[in-house]
Amino acid sequence: TPAATPTKPGAPVASVCVDPSGRLLVTGHEDSVCSLYDVRGSRCIQA
């Protein structure tokens, strides 16, 4: 799920890609944010 704050839901996902190893997922959002995720750990590494 895209990162959100208590006052603002995560912005809509406009693009997505998984790295060749299948370990990382990256999303591009309508609010200009990119989020990098650890797929196996199901956690956001950073935005």
ModelCIF file with pLDDT and N, C-alpha, C, O atoms, coordinates in Angstrom:
data_MODEL
#
_entry.id   MODEL 
#
_entity.id                         1 
_entity.type                       polymer 
_entity.pdbx_number_of_molecules   1 
#
_entity_poly.entity_id                      1 
_entity_poly.type                           'polypeptide(L)' 
_entity_poly.nstd_linkage                   no 
_entity_poly.nstd_monomer                   no 
_entity_poly.pdbx_seq_one_letter_code       TPAATPTKPGAPVASVCVDPSGRLLVTGHEDSVCSLYDVRGSRCIQA 
_entity_poly.pdbx_seq_one_letter_code_can   TPAATPTKPGAPVASVCVDPSGRLLVTGHEDSVCSLYDVRGSRCIQA 
_entity_poly.pdbx_strand_id                 A 
#
loop_
_entity_poly_seq.entity_id 
_entity_poly_seq.num 
_entity_poly_seq.mon_id 
_entity_poly_seq.hetero 
1 1  THR n 
1 2  PRO n 
1 3  ALA n 
1 4  ALA n 
1 5  THR n 
1 6  PRO n 
1 7  THR n 
1 8  LYS n 
1 9  PRO n 
1 10 GLY n 
1 11 ALA n 
1 12 PRO n 
1 13 VAL n 
1 14 ALA n 
1 15 SER n 
1 16 VAL n 
1 17 CYS n 
1 18 VAL n 
1 19 ASP n 
1 20 PRO n 
1 21 SER n 
1 22 GLY n 
1 23 ARG n 
1 24 LEU n 
1 25 LEU n 
1 26 VAL n 
1 27 THR n 
1 28 GLY n 
1 29 HIS n 
1 30 GLU n 
1 31 ASP n 
1 32 SER n 
1 33 VAL n 
1 34 CYS n 
1 35 SER n 
1 36 LEU n 
1 37 TYR n 
1 38 ASP n 
1 39 VAL n 
1 40 ARG n 
1 41 GLY n 
1 42 SER n 
1 43 ARG n 
1 44 CYS n 
1 45 ILE n 
1 46 GLN n 
1 47 ALA n 
#
_struct_asym.id          A 
_struct_asym.entity_id   1 
#
loop_
_ma_qa_metric.id 
_ma_qa_metric.mode 
_ma_qa_metric.name 
_ma_qa_metric.software_group_id 
_ma_qa_metric.type 
1 global pLDDT . pLDDT 
2 local  pLDDT . pLDDT 
#
_ma_qa_metric_global.metric_id      1 
_ma_qa_metric_global.metric_value   83.81 
_ma_qa_metric_global.model_id       1 
_ma_qa_metric_global.ordinal_id     1 
#
loop_
_ma_qa_metric_local.label_asym_id 
_ma_qa_metric_local.label_comp_id 
_ma_qa_metric_local.label_seq_id 
_ma_qa_metric_local.metric_id 
_ma_qa_metric_local.metric_value 
_ma_qa_metric_local.model_id 
_ma_qa_metric_local.ordinal_id 
A THR 1  2 71.00 1 1  
A PRO 2  2 66.00 1 2  
A ALA 3  2 61.00 1 3  
A ALA 4  2 57.00 1 4  
A THR 5  2 47.00 1 5  
A PRO 6  2 47.00 1 6  
A THR 7  2 50.00 1 7  
A LYS 8  2 56.00 1 8  
A PRO 9  2 64.00 1 9  
A GLY 10 2 70.00 1 10 
A ALA 11 2 84.00 1 11 
A PRO 12 2 86.00 1 12 
A VAL 13 2 89.00 1 13 
A ALA 14 2 92.00 1 14 
A SER 15 2 94.00 1 15 
A VAL 16 2 94.00 1 16 
A CYS 17 2 95.00 1 17 
A VAL 18 2 93.00 1 18 
A ASP 19 2 94.00 1 19 
A PRO 20 2 92.00 1 20 
A SER 21 2 91.00 1 21 
A GLY 22 2 89.00 1 22 
A ARG 23 2 91.00 1 23 
A LEU 24 2 93.00 1 24 
A LEU 25 2 93.00 1 25 
A VAL 26 2 95.00 1 26 
A THR 27 2 93.00 1 27 
A GLY 28 2 94.00 1 28 
A HIS 29 2 93.00 1 29 
A GLU 30 2 92.00 1 30 
A ASP 31 2 91.00 1 31 
A SER 32 2 93.00 1 32 
A VAL 33 2 92.00 1 33 
A CYS 34 2 94.00 1 34 
A SER 35 2 92.00 1 35 
A LEU 36 2 94.00 1 36 
A TYR 37 2 92.00 1 37 
A ASP 38 2 90.00 1 38 
A VAL 39 2 85.00 1 39 
A ARG 40 2 82.00 1 40 
A GLY 41 2 80.00 1 41 
A SER 42 2 78.00 1 42 
A ARG 43 2 85.00 1 43 
A CYS 44 2 88.00 1 44 
A ILE 45 2 93.00 1 45 
A GLN 46 2 92.00 1 46 
A ALA 47 2 92.00 1 47 
#
loop_
_atom_site.group_PDB 
_atom_site.id 
_atom_site.type_symbol 
_atom_site.label_atom_id 
_atom_site.label_alt_id 
_atom_site.label_comp_id 
_atom_site.label_asym_id 
_atom_site.label_entity_id 
_atom_site.label_seq_id 
_atom_site.pdbx_PDB_ins_code 
_atom_site.Cartn_x 
_atom_site.Cartn_y 
_atom_site.Cartn_z 
_atom_site.occupancy 
_atom_site.B_iso_or_equiv 
_atom_site.pdbx_formal_charge 
_atom_site.auth_seq_id 
_atom_site.auth_comp_id 
_atom_site.auth_asym_id 
_atom_site.auth_atom_id 
_atom_site.pdbx_PDB_model_num 
ATOM 1   N N  . THR A 1 1  ? 0.840  -1.195  0.000   1.00 71.00 ? 1  THR A N  1 
ATOM 2   C CA . THR A 1 1  ? 0.000  0.000   0.000   1.00 71.00 ? 1  THR A CA 1 
ATOM 3   C C  . THR A 1 1  ? 0.876  1.248   0.000   1.00 71.00 ? 1  THR A C  1 
ATOM 4   O O  . THR A 1 1  ? 1.837  1.315   0.767   1.00 71.00 ? 1  THR A O  1 
ATOM 5   N N  . PRO A 1 2  ? 0.569  2.250   -0.849  1.00 66.00 ? 2  PRO A N  1 
ATOM 6   C CA . PRO A 1 2  ? 1.346  3.493   -0.842  1.00 66.00 ? 2  PRO A CA 1 
ATOM 7   C C  . PRO A 1 2  ? 1.362  4.129   0.544   1.00 66.00 ? 2  PRO A C  1 
ATOM 8   O O  . PRO A 1 2  ? 0.381  4.074   1.286   1.00 66.00 ? 2  PRO A O  1 
ATOM 9   N N  . ALA A 1 3  ? 2.500  4.731   0.871   1.00 61.00 ? 3  ALA A N  1 
ATOM 10  C CA . ALA A 1 3  ? 2.647  5.381   2.169   1.00 61.00 ? 3  ALA A CA 1 
ATOM 11  C C  . ALA A 1 3  ? 1.615  6.493   2.330   1.00 61.00 ? 3  ALA A C  1 
ATOM 12  O O  . ALA A 1 3  ? 1.274  7.190   1.374   1.00 61.00 ? 3  ALA A O  1 
ATOM 13  N N  . ALA A 1 4  ? 1.138  6.641   3.532   1.00 57.00 ? 4  ALA A N  1 
ATOM 14  C CA . ALA A 1 4  ? 0.150  7.679   3.833   1.00 57.00 ? 4  ALA A CA 1 
ATOM 15  C C  . ALA A 1 4  ? 0.488  8.285   5.193   1.00 57.00 ? 4  ALA A C  1 
ATOM 16  O O  . ALA A 1 4  ? 1.226  7.701   5.987   1.00 57.00 ? 4  ALA A O  1 
ATOM 17  N N  . THR A 1 5  ? -0.062 9.449   5.437   1.00 47.00 ? 5  THR A N  1 
ATOM 18  C CA . THR A 1 5  ? 0.056  10.072  6.754   1.00 47.00 ? 5  THR A CA 1 
ATOM 19  C C  . THR A 1 5  ? -1.335 10.065  7.368   1.00 47.00 ? 5  THR A C  1 
ATOM 20  O O  . THR A 1 5  ? -2.313 9.789   6.673   1.00 47.00 ? 5  THR A O  1 
ATOM 21  N N  . PRO A 1 6  ? -1.441 10.364  8.656   1.00 47.00 ? 6  PRO A N  1 
ATOM 22  C CA . PRO A 1 6  ? -2.778 10.373  9.271   1.00 47.00 ? 6  PRO A CA 1 
ATOM 23  C C  . PRO A 1 6  ? -3.742 11.359  8.614   1.00 47.00 ? 6  PRO A C  1 
ATOM 24  O O  . PRO A 1 6  ? -4.955 11.156  8.660   1.00 47.00 ? 6  PRO A O  1 
ATOM 25  N N  . THR A 1 7  ? -3.213 12.434  7.999   1.00 50.00 ? 7  THR A N  1 
ATOM 26  C CA . THR A 1 7  ? -4.095 13.433  7.406   1.00 50.00 ? 7  THR A CA 1 
ATOM 27  C C  . THR A 1 7  ? -4.183 13.342  5.890   1.00 50.00 ? 7  THR A C  1 
ATOM 28  O O  . THR A 1 7  ? -5.047 13.981  5.289   1.00 50.00 ? 7  THR A O  1 
ATOM 29  N N  . LYS A 1 8  ? -3.307 12.561  5.254   1.00 56.00 ? 8  LYS A N  1 
ATOM 30  C CA . LYS A 1 8  ? -3.284 12.496  3.798   1.00 56.00 ? 8  LYS A CA 1 
ATOM 31  C C  . LYS A 1 8  ? -3.115 11.049  3.325   1.00 56.00 ? 8  LYS A C  1 
ATOM 32  O O  . LYS A 1 8  ? -2.137 10.392  3.683   1.00 56.00 ? 8  LYS A O  1 
ATOM 33  N N  . PRO A 1 9  ? -4.051 10.554  2.532   1.00 64.00 ? 9  PRO A N  1 
ATOM 34  C CA . PRO A 1 9  ? -3.890 9.203   2.002   1.00 64.00 ? 9  PRO A CA 1 
ATOM 35  C C  . PRO A 1 9  ? -2.754 9.170   0.975   1.00 64.00 ? 9  PRO A C  1 
ATOM 36  O O  . PRO A 1 9  ? -2.375 10.210  0.437   1.00 64.00 ? 9  PRO A O  1 
ATOM 37  N N  . GLY A 1 10 ? -2.215 7.987   0.704   1.00 70.00 ? 10 GLY A N  1 
ATOM 38  C CA . GLY A 1 10 ? -1.192 7.859   -0.323  1.00 70.00 ? 10 GLY A CA 1 
ATOM 39  C C  . GLY A 1 10 ? -1.735 8.301   -1.676  1.00 70.00 ? 10 GLY A C  1 
ATOM 40  O O  . GLY A 1 10 ? -2.894 8.042   -2.002  1.00 70.00 ? 10 GLY A O  1 
ATOM 41  N N  . ALA A 1 11 ? -0.891 8.971   -2.466  1.00 84.00 ? 11 ALA A N  1 
ATOM 42  C CA . ALA A 1 11 ? -1.312 9.452   -3.784  1.00 84.00 ? 11 ALA A CA 1 
ATOM 43  C C  . ALA A 1 11 ? -1.499 8.282   -4.740  1.00 84.00 ? 11 ALA A C  1 
ATOM 44  O O  . ALA A 1 11 ? -0.865 7.241   -4.569  1.00 84.00 ? 11 ALA A O  1 
ATOM 45  N N  . PRO A 1 12 ? -2.362 8.436   -5.747  1.00 86.00 ? 12 PRO A N  1 
ATOM 46  C CA . PRO A 1 12 ? -2.571 7.362   -6.711  1.00 86.00 ? 12 PRO A CA 1 
ATOM 47  C C  . PRO A 1 12 ? -1.263 6.945   -7.394  1.00 86.00 ? 12 PRO A C  1 
ATOM 48  O O  . PRO A 1 12 ? -0.419 7.781   -7.717  1.00 86.00 ? 12 PRO A O  1 
ATOM 49  N N  . VAL A 1 13 ? -1.123 5.652   -7.599  1.00 89.00 ? 13 VAL A N  1 
ATOM 50  C CA . VAL A 1 13 ? 0.047  5.090   -8.278  1.00 89.00 ? 13 VAL A CA 1 
ATOM 51  C C  . VAL A 1 13 ? -0.153 5.259   -9.780  1.00 89.00 ? 13 VAL A C  1 
ATOM 52  O O  . VAL A 1 13 ? -1.171 4.837   -10.328 1.00 89.00 ? 13 VAL A O  1 
ATOM 53  N N  . ALA A 1 14 ? 0.830  5.884   -10.445 1.00 92.00 ? 14 ALA A N  1 
ATOM 54  C CA . ALA A 1 14 ? 0.748  6.114   -11.887 1.00 92.00 ? 14 ALA A CA 1 
ATOM 55  C C  . ALA A 1 14 ? 1.672  5.185   -12.665 1.00 92.00 ? 14 ALA A C  1 
ATOM 56  O O  . ALA A 1 14 ? 1.492  5.004   -13.869 1.00 92.00 ? 14 ALA A O  1 
ATOM 57  N N  . SER A 1 15 ? 2.668  4.589   -11.991 1.00 94.00 ? 15 SER A N  1 
ATOM 58  C CA . SER A 1 15 ? 3.602  3.678   -12.659 1.00 94.00 ? 15 SER A CA 1 
ATOM 59  C C  . SER A 1 15 ? 4.222  2.750   -11.622 1.00 94.00 ? 15 SER A C  1 
ATOM 60  O O  . SER A 1 15 ? 4.305  3.073   -10.437 1.00 94.00 ? 15 SER A O  1 
ATOM 61  N N  . VAL A 1 16 ? 4.650  1.595   -12.100 1.00 94.00 ? 16 VAL A N  1 
ATOM 62  C CA . VAL A 1 16 ? 5.203  0.589   -11.189 1.00 94.00 ? 16 VAL A CA 1 
ATOM 63  C C  . VAL A 1 16 ? 6.203  -0.283  -11.942 1.00 94.00 ? 16 VAL A C  1 
ATOM 64  O O  . VAL A 1 16 ? 6.066  -0.494  -13.147 1.00 94.00 ? 16 VAL A O  1 
ATOM 65  N N  . CYS A 1 17 ? 7.213  -0.790  -11.227 1.00 95.00 ? 17 CYS A N  1 
ATOM 66  C CA . CYS A 1 17 ? 8.202  -1.682  -11.836 1.00 95.00 ? 17 CYS A CA 1 
ATOM 67  C C  . CYS A 1 17 ? 8.840  -2.540  -10.747 1.00 95.00 ? 17 CYS A C  1 
ATOM 68  O O  . CYS A 1 17 ? 9.026  -2.088  -9.617  1.00 95.00 ? 17 CYS A O  1 
ATOM 69  N N  . VAL A 1 18 ? 9.169  -3.770  -11.093 1.00 93.00 ? 18 VAL A N  1 
ATOM 70  C CA . VAL A 1 18 ? 9.896  -4.681  -10.208 1.00 93.00 ? 18 VAL A CA 1 
ATOM 71  C C  . VAL A 1 18 ? 11.288 -4.864  -10.798 1.00 93.00 ? 18 VAL A C  1 
ATOM 72  O O  . VAL A 1 18 ? 11.435 -5.006  -12.012 1.00 93.00 ? 18 VAL A O  1 
ATOM 73  N N  . ASP A 1 19 ? 12.317 -4.863  -9.937  1.00 94.00 ? 19 ASP A N  1 
ATOM 74  C CA . ASP A 1 19 ? 13.690 -5.023  -10.433 1.00 94.00 ? 19 ASP A CA 1 
ATOM 75  C C  . ASP A 1 19 ? 13.900 -6.443  -10.948 1.00 94.00 ? 19 ASP A C  1 
ATOM 76  O O  . ASP A 1 19 ? 13.125 -7.339  -10.614 1.00 94.00 ? 19 ASP A O  1 
ATOM 77  N N  . PRO A 1 20 ? 14.945 -6.662  -11.762 1.00 92.00 ? 20 PRO A N  1 
ATOM 78  C CA . PRO A 1 20 ? 15.164 -7.988  -12.364 1.00 92.00 ? 20 PRO A CA 1 
ATOM 79  C C  . PRO A 1 20 ? 15.299 -9.130  -11.350 1.00 92.00 ? 20 PRO A C  1 
ATOM 80  O O  . PRO A 1 20 ? 14.983 -10.274 -11.677 1.00 92.00 ? 20 PRO A O  1 
ATOM 81  N N  . SER A 1 21 ? 15.760 -8.844  -10.130 1.00 91.00 ? 21 SER A N  1 
ATOM 82  C CA . SER A 1 21 ? 15.909 -9.904  -9.125  1.00 91.00 ? 21 SER A CA 1 
ATOM 83  C C  . SER A 1 21 ? 14.584 -10.243 -8.454  1.00 91.00 ? 21 SER A C  1 
ATOM 84  O O  . SER A 1 21 ? 14.457 -11.295 -7.827  1.00 91.00 ? 21 SER A O  1 
ATOM 85  N N  . GLY A 1 22 ? 13.598 -9.361  -8.580  1.00 89.00 ? 22 GLY A N  1 
ATOM 86  C CA . GLY A 1 22 ? 12.312 -9.574  -7.927  1.00 89.00 ? 22 GLY A CA 1 
ATOM 87  C C  . GLY A 1 22 ? 12.294 -9.156  -6.470  1.00 89.00 ? 22 GLY A C  1 
ATOM 88  O O  . GLY A 1 22 ? 11.307 -9.390  -5.771  1.00 89.00 ? 22 GLY A O  1 
ATOM 89  N N  . ARG A 1 23 ? 13.376 -8.537  -5.998  1.00 91.00 ? 23 ARG A N  1 
ATOM 90  C CA . ARG A 1 23 ? 13.449 -8.144  -4.584  1.00 91.00 ? 23 ARG A CA 1 
ATOM 91  C C  . ARG A 1 23 ? 12.938 -6.731  -4.320  1.00 91.00 ? 23 ARG A C  1 
ATOM 92  O O  . ARG A 1 23 ? 12.476 -6.433  -3.219  1.00 91.00 ? 23 ARG A O  1 
ATOM 93  N N  . LEU A 1 24 ? 13.020 -5.857  -5.327  1.00 93.00 ? 24 LEU A N  1 
ATOM 94  C CA . LEU A 1 24 ? 12.620 -4.469  -5.137  1.00 93.00 ? 24 LEU A CA 1 
ATOM 95  C C  . LEU A 1 24 ? 11.447 -4.103  -6.039  1.00 93.00 ? 24 LEU A C  1 
ATOM 96  O O  . LEU A 1 24 ? 11.346 -4.566  -7.175  1.00 93.00 ? 24 LEU A O  1 
ATOM 97  N N  . LEU A 1 25 ? 10.582 -3.278  -5.516  1.00 93.00 ? 25 LEU A N  1 
ATOM 98  C CA . LEU A 1 25 ? 9.458  -2.723  -6.258  1.00 93.00 ? 25 LEU A CA 1 
ATOM 99  C C  . LEU A 1 25 ? 9.569  -1.218  -6.132  1.00 93.00 ? 25 LEU A C  1 
ATOM 100 O O  . LEU A 1 25 ? 9.887  -0.705  -5.059  1.00 93.00 ? 25 LEU A O  1 
ATOM 101 N N  . VAL A 1 26 ? 9.311  -0.507  -7.218  1.00 95.00 ? 26 VAL A N  1 
ATOM 102 C CA . VAL A 1 26 ? 9.302  0.949   -7.168  1.00 95.00 ? 26 VAL A CA 1 
ATOM 103 C C  . VAL A 1 26 ? 8.001  1.443   -7.782  1.00 95.00 ? 26 VAL A C  1 
ATOM 104 O O  . VAL A 1 26 ? 7.530  0.907   -8.785  1.00 95.00 ? 26 VAL A O  1 
ATOM 105 N N  . THR A 1 27 ? 7.431  2.465   -7.169  1.00 93.00 ? 27 THR A N  1 
ATOM 106 C CA . THR A 1 27 ? 6.191  3.035   -7.673  1.00 93.00 ? 27 THR A CA 1 
ATOM 107 C C  . THR A 1 27 ? 6.385  4.534   -7.899  1.00 93.00 ? 27 THR A C  1 
ATOM 108 O O  . THR A 1 27 ? 7.108  5.197   -7.155  1.00 93.00 ? 27 THR A O  1 
ATOM 109 N N  . GLY A 1 28 ? 5.734  5.052   -8.932  1.00 94.00 ? 28 GLY A N  1 
ATOM 110 C CA . GLY A 1 28 ? 5.708  6.484   -9.207  1.00 94.00 ? 28 GLY A CA 1 
ATOM 111 C C  . GLY A 1 28 ? 4.285  6.974   -8.987  1.00 94.00 ? 28 GLY A C  1 
ATOM 112 O O  . GLY A 1 28 ? 3.325  6.327   -9.405  1.00 94.00 ? 28 GLY A O  1 
ATOM 113 N N  . HIS A 1 29 ? 4.156  8.116   -8.333  1.00 93.00 ? 29 HIS A N  1 
ATOM 114 C CA . HIS A 1 29 ? 2.840  8.596   -7.914  1.00 93.00 ? 29 HIS A CA 1 
ATOM 115 C C  . HIS A 1 29 ? 2.474  9.937   -8.538  1.00 93.00 ? 29 HIS A C  1 
ATOM 116 O O  . HIS A 1 29 ? 3.337  10.661  -9.035  1.00 93.00 ? 29 HIS A O  1 
ATOM 117 N N  . GLU A 1 30 ? 1.201  10.252  -8.505  1.00 92.00 ? 30 GLU A N  1 
ATOM 118 C CA . GLU A 1 30 ? 0.696  11.502  -9.063  1.00 92.00 ? 30 GLU A CA 1 
ATOM 119 C C  . GLU A 1 30 ? 1.137  12.727  -8.282  1.00 92.00 ? 30 GLU A C  1 
ATOM 120 O O  . GLU A 1 30 ? 1.006  13.845  -8.780  1.00 92.00 ? 30 GLU A O  1 
ATOM 121 N N  . ASP A 1 31 ? 1.659  12.550  -7.069  1.00 91.00 ? 31 ASP A N  1 
ATOM 122 C CA . ASP A 1 31 ? 2.134  13.693  -6.281  1.00 91.00 ? 31 ASP A CA 1 
ATOM 123 C C  . ASP A 1 31 ? 3.652  13.891  -6.425  1.00 91.00 ? 31 ASP A C  1 
ATOM 124 O O  . ASP A 1 31 ? 4.259  14.595  -5.618  1.00 91.00 ? 31 ASP A O  1 
ATOM 125 N N  . SER A 1 32 ? 4.264  13.280  -7.442  1.00 93.00 ? 32 SER A N  1 
ATOM 126 C CA . SER A 1 32 ? 5.687  13.370  -7.782  1.00 93.00 ? 32 SER A CA 1 
ATOM 127 C C  . SER A 1 32 ? 6.601  12.538  -6.888  1.00 93.00 ? 32 SER A C  1 
ATOM 128 O O  . SER A 1 32 ? 7.823  12.649  -6.992  1.00 93.00 ? 32 SER A O  1 
ATOM 129 N N  . VAL A 1 33 ? 6.052  11.726  -6.033  1.00 92.00 ? 33 VAL A N  1 
ATOM 130 C CA . VAL A 1 33 ? 6.845  10.880  -5.149  1.00 92.00 ? 33 VAL A CA 1 
ATOM 131 C C  . VAL A 1 33 ? 7.100  9.532   -5.817  1.00 92.00 ? 33 VAL A C  1 
ATOM 132 O O  . VAL A 1 33 ? 6.240  8.995   -6.515  1.00 92.00 ? 33 VAL A O  1 
ATOM 133 N N  . CYS A 1 34 ? 8.295  8.999   -5.588  1.00 94.00 ? 34 CYS A N  1 
ATOM 134 C CA . CYS A 1 34 ? 8.628  7.616   -5.945  1.00 94.00 ? 34 CYS A CA 1 
ATOM 135 C C  . CYS A 1 34 ? 8.853  6.874   -4.642  1.00 94.00 ? 34 CYS A C  1 
ATOM 136 O O  . CYS A 1 34 ? 9.483  7.405   -3.727  1.00 94.00 ? 34 CYS A O  1 
ATOM 137 N N  . SER A 1 35 ? 8.350  5.661   -4.545  1.00 92.00 ? 35 SER A N  1 
ATOM 138 C CA . SER A 1 35 ? 8.523  4.856   -3.343  1.00 92.00 ? 35 SER A CA 1 
ATOM 139 C C  . SER A 1 35 ? 9.226  3.565   -3.708  1.00 92.00 ? 35 SER A C  1 
ATOM 140 O O  . SER A 1 35 ? 8.851  2.883   -4.662  1.00 92.00 ? 35 SER A O  1 
ATOM 141 N N  . LEU A 1 36 ? 10.253 3.238   -2.937  1.00 94.00 ? 36 LEU A N  1 
ATOM 142 C CA . LEU A 1 36 ? 11.049 2.032   -3.152  1.00 94.00 ? 36 LEU A CA 1 
ATOM 143 C C  . LEU A 1 36 ? 10.710 1.053   -2.040  1.00 94.00 ? 36 LEU A C  1 
ATOM 144 O O  . LEU A 1 36 ? 10.795 1.389   -0.858  1.00 94.00 ? 36 LEU A O  1 
ATOM 145 N N  . TYR A 1 37 ? 10.323 -0.165  -2.424  1.00 92.00 ? 37 TYR A N  1 
ATOM 146 C CA . TYR A 1 37 ? 9.861  -1.160  -1.464  1.00 92.00 ? 37 TYR A CA 1 
ATOM 147 C C  . TYR A 1 37 ? 10.722 -2.412  -1.507  1.00 92.00 ? 37 TYR A C  1 
ATOM 148 O O  . TYR A 1 37 ? 11.247 -2.795  -2.552  1.00 92.00 ? 37 TYR A O  1 
ATOM 149 N N  . ASP A 1 38 ? 10.851 -3.037  -0.346  1.00 90.00 ? 38 ASP A N  1 
ATOM 150 C CA . ASP A 1 38 ? 11.429 -4.368  -0.210  1.00 90.00 ? 38 ASP A CA 1 
ATOM 151 C C  . ASP A 1 38 ? 10.249 -5.334  -0.346  1.00 90.00 ? 38 ASP A C  1 
ATOM 152 O O  . ASP A 1 38 ? 9.381  -5.391  0.525   1.00 90.00 ? 38 ASP A O  1 
ATOM 153 N N  . VAL A 1 39 ? 10.228 -6.091  -1.442  1.00 85.00 ? 39 VAL A N  1 
ATOM 154 C CA . VAL A 1 39 ? 9.083  -6.969  -1.713  1.00 85.00 ? 39 VAL A CA 1 
ATOM 155 C C  . VAL A 1 39 ? 8.964  -8.065  -0.669  1.00 85.00 ? 39 VAL A C  1 
ATOM 156 O O  . VAL A 1 39 ? 7.877  -8.319  -0.151  1.00 85.00 ? 39 VAL A O  1 
ATOM 157 N N  . ARG A 1 40 ? 10.076 -8.712  -0.358  1.00 82.00 ? 40 ARG A N  1 
ATOM 158 C CA . ARG A 1 40 ? 10.031 -9.843  0.584   1.00 82.00 ? 40 ARG A CA 1 
ATOM 159 C C  . ARG A 1 40 ? 9.632  -9.404  1.985   1.00 82.00 ? 40 ARG A C  1 
ATOM 160 O O  . ARG A 1 40 ? 8.905  -10.111 2.682   1.00 82.00 ? 40 ARG A O  1 
ATOM 161 N N  . GLY A 1 41 ? 10.114 -8.227  2.395   1.00 80.00 ? 41 GLY A N  1 
ATOM 162 C CA . GLY A 1 41 ? 9.794  -7.733  3.722   1.00 80.00 ? 41 GLY A CA 1 
ATOM 163 C C  . GLY A 1 41 ? 8.511  -6.927  3.780   1.00 80.00 ? 41 GLY A C  1 
ATOM 164 O O  . GLY A 1 41 ? 8.069  -6.529  4.857   1.00 80.00 ? 41 GLY A O  1 
ATOM 165 N N  . SER A 1 42 ? 7.904  -6.683  2.609   1.00 78.00 ? 42 SER A N  1 
ATOM 166 C CA . SER A 1 42 ? 6.673  -5.894  2.511   1.00 78.00 ? 42 SER A CA 1 
ATOM 167 C C  . SER A 1 42 ? 6.794  -4.574  3.262   1.00 78.00 ? 42 SER A C  1 
ATOM 168 O O  . SER A 1 42 ? 5.904  -4.195  4.023   1.00 78.00 ? 42 SER A O  1 
ATOM 169 N N  . ARG A 1 43 ? 7.923  -3.868  3.035   1.00 85.00 ? 43 ARG A N  1 
ATOM 170 C CA . ARG A 1 43 ? 8.118  -2.596  3.726   1.00 85.00 ? 43 ARG A CA 1 
ATOM 171 C C  . ARG A 1 43 ? 8.677  -1.555  2.764   1.00 85.00 ? 43 ARG A C  1 
ATOM 172 O O  . ARG A 1 43 ? 9.364  -1.881  1.796   1.00 85.00 ? 43 ARG A O  1 
ATOM 173 N N  . CYS A 1 44 ? 8.370  -0.316  3.050   1.00 88.00 ? 44 CYS A N  1 
ATOM 174 C CA . CYS A 1 44 ? 8.887  0.791   2.268   1.00 88.00 ? 44 CYS A CA 1 
ATOM 175 C C  . CYS A 1 44 ? 10.318 1.085   2.730   1.00 88.00 ? 44 CYS A C  1 
ATOM 176 O O  . CYS A 1 44 ? 10.560 1.302   3.917   1.00 88.00 ? 44 CYS A O  1 
ATOM 177 N N  . ILE A 1 45 ? 11.249 1.090   1.797   1.00 93.00 ? 45 ILE A N  1 
ATOM 178 C CA . ILE A 1 45 ? 12.638 1.421   2.116   1.00 93.00 ? 45 ILE A CA 1 
ATOM 179 C C  . ILE A 1 45 ? 12.789 2.933   2.193   1.00 93.00 ? 45 ILE A C  1 
ATOM 180 O O  . ILE A 1 45 ? 13.410 3.460   3.116   1.00 93.00 ? 45 ILE A O  1 
ATOM 181 N N  . GLN A 1 46 ? 12.211 3.629   1.210   1.00 92.00 ? 46 GLN A N  1 
ATOM 182 C CA . GLN A 1 46 ? 12.217 5.081   1.246   1.00 92.00 ? 46 GLN A CA 1 
ATOM 183 C C  . GLN A 1 46 ? 11.321 5.664   0.162   1.00 92.00 ? 46 GLN A C  1 
ATOM 184 O O  . GLN A 1 46 ? 10.981 5.004   -0.820  1.00 92.00 ? 46 GLN A O  1 
ATOM 185 N N  . ALA A 1 47 ? 10.954 6.906   0.370   1.00 92.00 ? 47 ALA A N  1 
ATOM 186 C CA . ALA A 1 47 ? 10.205 7.671   -0.628  1.00 92.00 ? 47 ALA A CA 1 
ATOM 187 C C  . ALA A 1 47 ? 11.060 8.887   -0.976  1.00 92.00 ? 47 ALA A C  1 
ATOM 188 O O  . ALA A 1 47 ? 10.660 9.707   -1.802  1.00 92.00 ? 47 ALA A O  1 
#
